[in-house]
Amino acid sequence: MPKAIIIGATSGIGEALAKKMAQEGYELGLTGRRVEKLAVLQKALSTSVHIQKMDVTLFDEARQQLLDLIQKMDGVDVVVVNAGIGWVTTKWENEQAIINTNVTGFVAIANAAFHYFKTQPKGKGHIVGISSVAAVRGGGQIPSYHASKAFISSYMEGLRYKALKKGWDIAITDIRPGFVETPMTEQNDVMFWVATVDKAAQQILNATKRKSKTAYITKRWRLAAWLMRILPDAVYSKM
């Protein structure tokens, strides 16, 4: 039975991915700040599920909780780092929260997972990070969110190269969703090519099983990412 931990499984993509993985027979470790929601999900899933309250912005505590959960599960094959936030604002308090969660919190967990996997036989493991199409280019509406996702994608690419250089069999998958129907996207006034959370979770699971380097969710967002890169500033700045 494969084993996976999902960081940030109380709602949205994390919750939907947990359901998909349970259907595939994964033993799961689920974390989140709202432990009561994790408990409800645990009862609903037809697989072995371990839950752990976790706030990734409590960096050292979260790292230890991850390692404790791994030990409780007697090892793990995949760690999905899904915890993330975003607001359409440039208020310092909100931008600081975005960086604490999406950047420092992400690295705290991904780093702990990476160092765990490198100690395994043949340095084997798999880290799946939920980035965003927003990683491709800066955004005028929510600059810190775009920047945080660009950091995530760049950091995961660096981890991949680090593993290759050292000869460790650690797969790194950069998941870049476009618009997905989740509580976080409810604030958006204009969205297109919107995927259901169920469809997004299935494509994320497929990319995980393939150990893809990068996967756009849904696939058509690869075209959007290409267009974002080549659009001149005069056009892109008005979007």
C-alpha atoms as a PDB file:
ATOM      1  CA  MET A   1       0.000   0.000   0.000  1.00  0.00           C
ATOM      2  CA  PRO A   2       1.541   3.369  -1.003  1.00  0.00           C
ATOM      3  CA  LYS A   3       1.690   6.009   1.717  1.00  0.00           C
ATOM      4  CA  ALA A   4       1.193   9.751   1.276  1.00  0.00           C
ATOM      5  CA  ILE A   5       1.005  12.805   3.506  1.00  0.00           C
ATOM      6  CA  ILE A   6      -1.035  15.815   2.392  1.00  0.00           C
ATOM      7  CA  ILE A   7      -0.172  19.111   4.057  1.00  0.00           C
ATOM      8  CA  GLY A   8      -3.294  21.271   4.033  1.00  0.00           C
ATOM      9  CA  ALA A   9      -6.130  18.762   3.641  1.00  0.00           C
ATOM     10  CA  THR A  10      -9.048  20.466   5.393  1.00  0.00           C
ATOM     11  CA  SER A  11     -10.670  21.882   2.241  1.00  0.00           C
ATOM     12  CA  GLY A  12     -10.282  22.565  -1.460  1.00  0.00           C
ATOM     13  CA  ILE A  13      -7.630  20.750  -3.459  1.00  0.00           C
ATOM     14  CA  GLY A  14      -6.105  19.005  -0.439  1.00  0.00           C
ATOM     15  CA  GLU A  15      -9.399  17.509   0.688  1.00  0.00           C
ATOM     16  CA  ALA A  16     -10.344  16.432  -2.837  1.00  0.00           C
ATOM     17  CA  LEU A  17      -6.917  14.895  -3.410  1.00  0.00           C
ATOM     18  CA  ALA A  18      -7.227  12.943  -0.154  1.00  0.00           C
ATOM     19  CA  LYS A  19     -10.485  11.436  -1.416  1.00  0.00           C
ATOM     20  CA  LYS A  20      -8.903  10.481  -4.744  1.00  0.00           C
ATOM     21  CA  MET A  21      -5.868   8.925  -3.096  1.00  0.00           C
ATOM     22  CA  ALA A  22      -8.056   6.985  -0.676  1.00  0.00           C
ATOM     23  CA  GLN A  23      -9.917   5.502  -3.651  1.00  0.00           C
ATOM     24  CA  GLU A  24      -6.541   4.411  -5.079  1.00  0.00           C
ATOM     25  CA  GLY A  25      -5.671   2.615  -1.839  1.00  0.00           C
ATOM     26  CA  TYR A  26      -3.135   5.039  -0.354  1.00  0.00           C
ATOM     27  CA  GLU A  27      -2.558   5.069   3.376  1.00  0.00           C
ATOM     28  CA  LEU A  28      -2.863   8.750   4.258  1.00  0.00           C
ATOM     29  CA  GLY A  29      -1.517  11.274   6.711  1.00  0.00           C
ATOM     30  CA  LEU A  30      -3.570  14.479   6.664  1.00  0.00           C
ATOM     31  CA  THR A  31      -2.645  17.792   8.264  1.00  0.00           C
ATOM     32  CA  GLY A  32      -4.313  21.160   8.692  1.00  0.00           C
ATOM     33  CA  ARG A  33      -5.136  23.859  11.204  1.00  0.00           C
ATOM     34  CA  ARG A  34      -8.775  22.752  11.641  1.00  0.00           C
ATOM     35  CA  VAL A  35      -8.450  19.342  13.217  1.00  0.00           C
ATOM     36  CA  GLU A  36     -12.221  18.929  13.498  1.00  0.00           C
ATOM     37  CA  LYS A  37     -12.469  18.992   9.686  1.00  0.00           C
ATOM     38  CA  LEU A  38      -9.670  16.466   9.439  1.00  0.00           C
ATOM     39  CA  ALA A  39     -11.565  14.184  11.822  1.00  0.00           C
ATOM     40  CA  VAL A  40     -14.687  14.365   9.660  1.00  0.00           C
ATOM     41  CA  LEU A  41     -12.638  13.560   6.556  1.00  0.00           C
ATOM     42  CA  GLN A  42     -10.882  10.712   8.350  1.00  0.00           C
ATOM     43  CA  LYS A  43     -14.229   9.043   9.093  1.00  0.00           C
ATOM     44  CA  ALA A  44     -15.419   9.505   5.504  1.00  0.00           C
ATOM     45  CA  LEU A  45     -12.439   7.831   3.829  1.00  0.00           C
ATOM     46  CA  SER A  46     -12.257   4.088   3.261  1.00  0.00           C
ATOM     47  CA  THR A  47      -8.544   3.718   3.965  1.00  0.00           C
ATOM     48  CA  SER A  48      -6.115   4.009   6.865  1.00  0.00           C
ATOM     49  CA  VAL A  49      -5.940   7.721   7.772  1.00  0.00           C
ATOM     50  CA  HIS A  50      -3.767   9.497  10.334  1.00  0.00           C
ATOM     51  CA  ILE A  51      -4.507  13.126  11.179  1.00  0.00           C
ATOM     52  CA  GLN A  52      -2.293  15.823  12.647  1.00  0.00           C
ATOM     53  CA  LYS A  53      -3.121  19.418  13.537  1.00  0.00           C
ATOM     54  CA  MET A  54      -0.534  21.643  11.870  1.00  0.00           C
ATOM     55  CA  ASP A  55       0.063  25.322  11.191  1.00  0.00           C
ATOM     56  CA  VAL A  56       2.940  25.612   8.703  1.00  0.00           C
ATOM     57  CA  THR A  57       3.710  29.140   9.933  1.00  0.00           C
ATOM     58  CA  LEU A  58       4.857  27.613  13.228  1.00  0.00           C
ATOM     59  CA  PHE A  59       7.874  26.495  11.280  1.00  0.00           C
ATOM     60  CA  ASP A  60       9.906  24.375  13.691  1.00  0.00           C
ATOM     61  CA  GLU A  61       6.820  22.857  15.279  1.00  0.00           C
ATOM     62  CA  ALA A  62       5.368  21.951  11.878  1.00  0.00           C
ATOM     63  CA  ARG A  63       8.613  20.307  10.778  1.00  0.00           C
ATOM     64  CA  GLN A  64       8.669  18.130  13.870  1.00  0.00           C
ATOM     65  CA  GLN A  65       4.990  17.267  13.438  1.00  0.00           C
ATOM     66  CA  LEU A  66       5.722  16.107   9.892  1.00  0.00           C
ATOM     67  CA  LEU A  67       8.549  13.858  11.067  1.00  0.00           C
ATOM     68  CA  ASP A  68       6.404  12.511  13.914  1.00  0.00           C
ATOM     69  CA  LEU A  69       3.621  11.714  11.449  1.00  0.00           C
ATOM     70  CA  ILE A  70       6.058   9.948   9.145  1.00  0.00           C
ATOM     71  CA  GLN A  71       7.251   7.846  12.079  1.00  0.00           C
ATOM     72  CA  LYS A  72       3.666   7.093  13.108  1.00  0.00           C
ATOM     73  CA  MET A  73       2.992   5.834   9.570  1.00  0.00           C
ATOM     74  CA  ASP A  74       6.216   3.778   9.613  1.00  0.00           C
ATOM     75  CA  GLY A  75       7.551   5.689   6.638  1.00  0.00           C
ATOM     76  CA  VAL A  76       5.990   7.496   3.697  1.00  0.00           C
ATOM     77  CA  ASP A  77       6.411   7.557  -0.086  1.00  0.00           C
ATOM     78  CA  VAL A  78       4.919  10.928  -1.052  1.00  0.00           C
ATOM     79  CA  VAL A  79       4.601  14.302   0.672  1.00  0.00           C
ATOM     80  CA  VAL A  80       2.180  16.761  -0.936  1.00  0.00           C
ATOM     81  CA  VAL A  81       2.763  20.357   0.206  1.00  0.00           C
ATOM     82  CA  ASN A  82      -0.573  22.000  -0.461  1.00  0.00           C
ATOM     83  CA  ALA A  83      -0.945  24.603   2.315  1.00  0.00           C
ATOM     84  CA  GLY A  84      -1.331  28.063   0.785  1.00  0.00           C
ATOM     85  CA  ILE A  85      -3.256  31.325   1.053  1.00  0.00           C
ATOM     86  CA  GLY A  86      -3.903  34.397  -1.071  1.00  0.00           C
ATOM     87  CA  TRP A  87      -5.851  37.655  -0.923  1.00  0.00           C
ATOM     88  CA  VAL A  88      -6.446  40.335  -3.538  1.00  0.00           C
ATOM     89  CA  THR A  89      -4.763  43.056  -1.484  1.00  0.00           C
ATOM     90  CA  THR A  90      -1.404  44.681  -0.837  1.00  0.00           C
ATOM     91  CA  LYS A  91      -2.005  45.346   2.863  1.00  0.00           C
ATOM     92  CA  TRP A  92       1.190  44.505   4.706  1.00  0.00           C
ATOM     93  CA  GLU A  93      -0.495  42.194   7.209  1.00  0.00           C
ATOM     94  CA  ASN A  94      -1.937  40.072   4.404  1.00  0.00           C
ATOM     95  CA  GLU A  95       1.215  40.085   2.291  1.00  0.00           C
ATOM     96  CA  GLN A  96       3.252  39.041   5.316  1.00  0.00           C
ATOM     97  CA  ALA A  97       0.827  36.171   5.964  1.00  0.00           C
ATOM     98  CA  ILE A  98       1.126  35.049   2.332  1.00  0.00           C
ATOM     99  CA  ILE A  99       4.916  34.973   2.528  1.00  0.00           C
ATOM    100  CA  ASN A 100       4.916  33.222   5.905  1.00  0.00           C
ATOM    101  CA  THR A 101       2.595  30.487   4.604  1.00  0.00           C
ATOM    102  CA  ASN A 102       3.415  30.143   0.908  1.00  0.00           C
ATOM    103  CA  VAL A 103       7.167  30.712   1.114  1.00  0.00           C
ATOM    104  CA  THR A 104       8.668  30.067   4.550  1.00  0.00           C
ATOM    105  CA  GLY A 105       5.993  27.560   5.561  1.00  0.00           C
ATOM    106  CA  PHE A 106       6.354  25.734   2.252  1.00  0.00           C
ATOM    107  CA  VAL A 107      10.143  25.515   2.558  1.00  0.00           C
ATOM    108  CA  ALA A 108       9.954  24.422   6.191  1.00  0.00           C
ATOM    109  CA  ILE A 109       7.913  21.373   5.170  1.00  0.00           C
ATOM    110  CA  ALA A 110       9.532  20.628   1.797  1.00  0.00           C
ATOM    111  CA  ASN A 111      12.991  20.859   3.353  1.00  0.00           C
ATOM    112  CA  ALA A 112      12.057  18.453   6.151  1.00  0.00           C
ATOM    113  CA  ALA A 113      10.577  16.011   3.625  1.00  0.00           C
ATOM    114  CA  PHE A 114      13.635  16.263   1.369  1.00  0.00           C
ATOM    115  CA  HIS A 115      16.039  15.522   4.210  1.00  0.00           C
ATOM    116  CA  TYR A 116      13.865  12.604   5.338  1.00  0.00           C
ATOM    117  CA  PHE A 117      13.802  11.081   1.848  1.00  0.00           C
ATOM    118  CA  LYS A 118      17.569  11.401   1.327  1.00  0.00           C
ATOM    119  CA  THR A 119      18.119   9.157   4.363  1.00  0.00           C
ATOM    120  CA  GLN A 120      16.032   6.361   2.857  1.00  0.00           C
ATOM    121  CA  PRO A 121      17.523   3.443   0.902  1.00  0.00           C
ATOM    122  CA  LYS A 122      18.725   4.862  -2.451  1.00  0.00           C
ATOM    123  CA  GLY A 123      17.485   8.274  -1.245  1.00  0.00           C
ATOM    124  CA  LYS A 124      14.018   7.482  -2.535  1.00  0.00           C
ATOM    125  CA  GLY A 125      10.863   9.599  -2.200  1.00  0.00           C
ATOM    126  CA  HIS A 126       8.532  12.062  -3.887  1.00  0.00           C
ATOM    127  CA  ILE A 127       7.671  15.685  -3.056  1.00  0.00           C
ATOM    128  CA  VAL A 128       4.642  17.235  -4.756  1.00  0.00           C
ATOM    129  CA  GLY A 129       4.330  20.999  -4.367  1.00  0.00           C
ATOM    130  CA  ILE A 130       1.187  22.941  -5.241  1.00  0.00           C
ATOM    131  CA  SER A 131       2.370  26.097  -6.974  1.00  0.00           C
ATOM    132  CA  SER A 132       0.221  27.992  -9.514  1.00  0.00           C
ATOM    133  CA  VAL A 133       0.098  29.329 -13.048  1.00  0.00           C
ATOM    134  CA  ALA A 134       0.676  32.621 -11.209  1.00  0.00           C
ATOM    135  CA  ALA A 135       4.306  31.506 -10.820  1.00  0.00           C
ATOM    136  CA  VAL A 136       4.943  32.305 -14.464  1.00  0.00           C
ATOM    137  CA  ARG A 137       4.850  36.108 -14.149  1.00  0.00           C
ATOM    138  CA  GLY A 138       4.256  38.875 -11.629  1.00  0.00           C
ATOM    139  CA  GLY A 139       0.673  40.024 -11.088  1.00  0.00           C
ATOM    140  CA  GLY A 140      -0.564  43.553 -10.434  1.00  0.00           C
ATOM    141  CA  GLN A 141      -3.615  42.549  -8.398  1.00  0.00           C
ATOM    142  CA  ILE A 142      -1.857  40.328  -5.891  1.00  0.00           C
ATOM    143  CA  PRO A 143       1.931  40.748  -6.222  1.00  0.00           C
ATOM    144  CA  SER A 144       2.941  38.749  -3.156  1.00  0.00           C
ATOM    145  CA  TYR A 145       0.896  35.714  -4.240  1.00  0.00           C
ATOM    146  CA  HIS A 146       2.497  35.585  -7.684  1.00  0.00           C
ATOM    147  CA  ALA A 147       5.932  36.076  -6.134  1.00  0.00           C
ATOM    148  CA  SER A 148       5.340  33.341  -3.563  1.00  0.00           C
ATOM    149  CA  LYS A 149       4.317  30.852  -6.233  1.00  0.00           C
ATOM    150  CA  ALA A 150       7.326  31.768  -8.387  1.00  0.00           C
ATOM    151  CA  PHE A 151       9.498  31.054  -5.344  1.00  0.00           C
ATOM    152  CA  ILE A 152       7.844  27.655  -4.856  1.00  0.00           C
ATOM    153  CA  SER A 153       8.426  26.633  -8.484  1.00  0.00           C
ATOM    154  CA  SER A 154      12.040  27.815  -8.438  1.00  0.00           C
ATOM    155  CA  TYR A 155      12.721  26.134  -5.099  1.00  0.00           C
ATOM    156  CA  MET A 156      11.313  22.809  -6.291  1.00  0.00           C
ATOM    157  CA  GLU A 157      13.410  23.006  -9.451  1.00  0.00           C
ATOM    158  CA  GLY A 158      16.454  23.534  -7.242  1.00  0.00           C
ATOM    159  CA  LEU A 159      15.574  20.533  -5.086  1.00  0.00           C
ATOM    160  CA  ARG A 160      15.267  18.429  -8.232  1.00  0.00           C
ATOM    161  CA  TYR A 161      18.738  19.447  -9.394  1.00  0.00           C
ATOM    162  CA  LYS A 162      20.136  18.864  -5.914  1.00  0.00           C
ATOM    163  CA  ALA A 163      18.762  15.325  -5.880  1.00  0.00           C
ATOM    164  CA  LEU A 164      20.102  14.606  -9.367  1.00  0.00           C
ATOM    165  CA  LYS A 165      23.542  15.913  -8.454  1.00  0.00           C
ATOM    166  CA  LYS A 166      23.695  13.741  -5.346  1.00  0.00           C
ATOM    167  CA  GLY A 167      22.261  10.662  -7.049  1.00  0.00           C
ATOM    168  CA  TRP A 168      19.179  10.511  -4.827  1.00  0.00           C
ATOM    169  CA  ASP A 169      15.989   9.056  -6.309  1.00  0.00           C
ATOM    170  CA  ILE A 170      13.775  11.897  -5.055  1.00  0.00           C
ATOM    171  CA  ALA A 171      11.095  12.924  -7.541  1.00  0.00           C
ATOM    172  CA  ILE A 172       9.916  16.546  -7.442  1.00  0.00           C
ATOM    173  CA  THR A 173       6.584  17.485  -9.025  1.00  0.00           C
ATOM    174  CA  ASP A 174       5.586  21.128  -9.525  1.00  0.00           C
ATOM    175  CA  ILE A 175       1.791  21.361  -9.788  1.00  0.00           C
ATOM    176  CA  ARG A 176       0.586  24.625 -11.377  1.00  0.00           C
ATOM    177  CA  PRO A 177      -3.202  24.988 -11.199  1.00  0.00           C
ATOM    178  CA  GLY A 178      -5.135  27.669 -12.998  1.00  0.00           C
ATOM    179  CA  PHE A 179      -8.554  28.589 -11.640  1.00  0.00           C
ATOM    180  CA  VAL A 180     -10.104  25.843  -9.511  1.00  0.00           C
ATOM    181  CA  GLU A 181     -13.422  26.034  -7.645  1.00  0.00           C
ATOM    182  CA  THR A 182     -12.176  26.282  -4.066  1.00  0.00           C
ATOM    183  CA  PRO A 183     -12.934  28.526  -1.081  1.00  0.00           C
ATOM    184  CA  MET A 184      -9.810  30.582  -1.896  1.00  0.00           C
ATOM    185  CA  THR A 185     -11.005  31.489  -5.414  1.00  0.00           C
ATOM    186  CA  GLU A 186     -14.427  32.688  -4.238  1.00  0.00           C
ATOM    187  CA  GLN A 187     -12.958  36.211  -3.915  1.00  0.00           C
ATOM    188  CA  ASN A 188     -12.116  36.376  -7.638  1.00  0.00           C
ATOM    189  CA  ASP A 189     -14.416  38.560  -9.731  1.00  0.00           C
ATOM    190  CA  VAL A 190     -13.323  37.231 -13.122  1.00  0.00           C
ATOM    191  CA  MET A 191     -12.307  33.639 -13.828  1.00  0.00           C
ATOM    192  CA  PHE A 192     -12.145  31.448 -16.931  1.00  0.00           C
ATOM    193  CA  TRP A 193     -11.278  27.851 -17.733  1.00  0.00           C
ATOM    194  CA  VAL A 194     -12.429  27.043 -14.202  1.00  0.00           C
ATOM    195  CA  ALA A 195     -11.945  23.414 -13.168  1.00  0.00           C
ATOM    196  CA  THR A 196     -14.001  21.610 -10.580  1.00  0.00           C
ATOM    197  CA  VAL A 197     -11.957  20.634  -7.558  1.00  0.00           C
ATOM    198  CA  ASP A 198     -12.699  16.969  -8.351  1.00  0.00           C
ATOM    199  CA  LYS A 199     -11.233  17.268 -11.855  1.00  0.00           C
ATOM    200  CA  ALA A 200      -8.210  19.168 -10.564  1.00  0.00           C
ATOM    201  CA  ALA A 201      -7.546  16.546  -7.881  1.00  0.00           C
ATOM    202  CA  GLN A 202      -7.723  13.720 -10.419  1.00  0.00           C
ATOM    203  CA  GLN A 203      -5.214  15.418 -12.714  1.00  0.00           C
ATOM    204  CA  ILE A 204      -2.918  16.134  -9.756  1.00  0.00           C
ATOM    205  CA  LEU A 205      -3.070  12.461  -8.746  1.00  0.00           C
ATOM    206  CA  ASN A 206      -2.320  11.409 -12.330  1.00  0.00           C
ATOM    207  CA  ALA A 207       0.709  13.727 -12.450  1.00  0.00           C
ATOM    208  CA  THR A 208       1.851  12.382  -9.085  1.00  0.00           C
ATOM    209  CA  LYS A 209       1.659   8.782 -10.239  1.00  0.00           C
ATOM    210  CA  ARG A 210       3.625   9.686 -13.396  1.00  0.00           C
ATOM    211  CA  LYS A 211       6.154  11.611 -11.277  1.00  0.00           C
ATOM    212  CA  SER A 212       5.846  14.510 -13.719  1.00  0.00           C
ATOM    213  CA  LYS A 213       8.316  17.359 -13.317  1.00  0.00           C
ATOM    214  CA  THR A 214       5.673  20.032 -13.999  1.00  0.00           C
ATOM    215  CA  ALA A 215       1.921  19.694 -14.516  1.00  0.00           C
ATOM    216  CA  TYR A 216      -0.558  22.430 -15.395  1.00  0.00           C
ATOM    217  CA  ILE A 217      -4.057  21.905 -13.978  1.00  0.00           C
ATOM    218  CA  THR A 218      -6.008  21.698 -16.183  1.00  0.00           C
ATOM    219  CA  LYS A 219      -3.748  20.949 -19.142  1.00  0.00           C
ATOM    220  CA  ARG A 220      -4.977  23.905 -21.206  1.00  0.00           C
ATOM    221  CA  TRP A 221      -3.298  26.245 -18.713  1.00  0.00           C
ATOM    222  CA  ARG A 222       0.054  25.358 -20.280  1.00  0.00           C
ATOM    223  CA  LEU A 223      -1.063  27.459 -23.261  1.00  0.00           C
ATOM    224  CA  ALA A 224      -2.106  30.304 -20.956  1.00  0.00           C
ATOM    225  CA  ALA A 225       1.293  30.171 -19.250  1.00  0.00           C
ATOM    226  CA  TRP A 226       3.026  30.434 -22.611  1.00  0.00           C
ATOM    227  CA  LEU A 227       0.906  33.458 -23.549  1.00  0.00           C
ATOM    228  CA  MET A 228       1.595  35.111 -20.192  1.00  0.00           C
ATOM    229  CA  ARG A 229       5.323  34.853 -20.836  1.00  0.00           C
ATOM    230  CA  ILE A 230       5.258  36.452 -24.297  1.00  0.00           C
ATOM    231  CA  LEU A 231       2.659  39.194 -23.820  1.00  0.00           C
ATOM    232  CA  PRO A 232       4.203  42.684 -23.879  1.00  0.00           C
ATOM    233  CA  ASP A 233       3.969  44.744 -20.688  1.00  0.00           C
ATOM    234  CA  ALA A 234       1.488  47.172 -22.256  1.00  0.00           C
ATOM    235  CA  VAL A 235      -1.002  44.326 -22.729  1.00  0.00           C
ATOM    236  CA  TYR A 236      -0.229  42.170 -19.706  1.00  0.00           C
ATOM    237  CA  SER A 237      -0.404  45.065 -17.232  1.00  0.00           C
ATOM    238  CA  LYS A 238      -4.060  45.656 -18.142  1.00  0.00           C
ATOM    239  CA  MET A 239      -5.139  42.091 -17.388  1.00  0.00           C
END
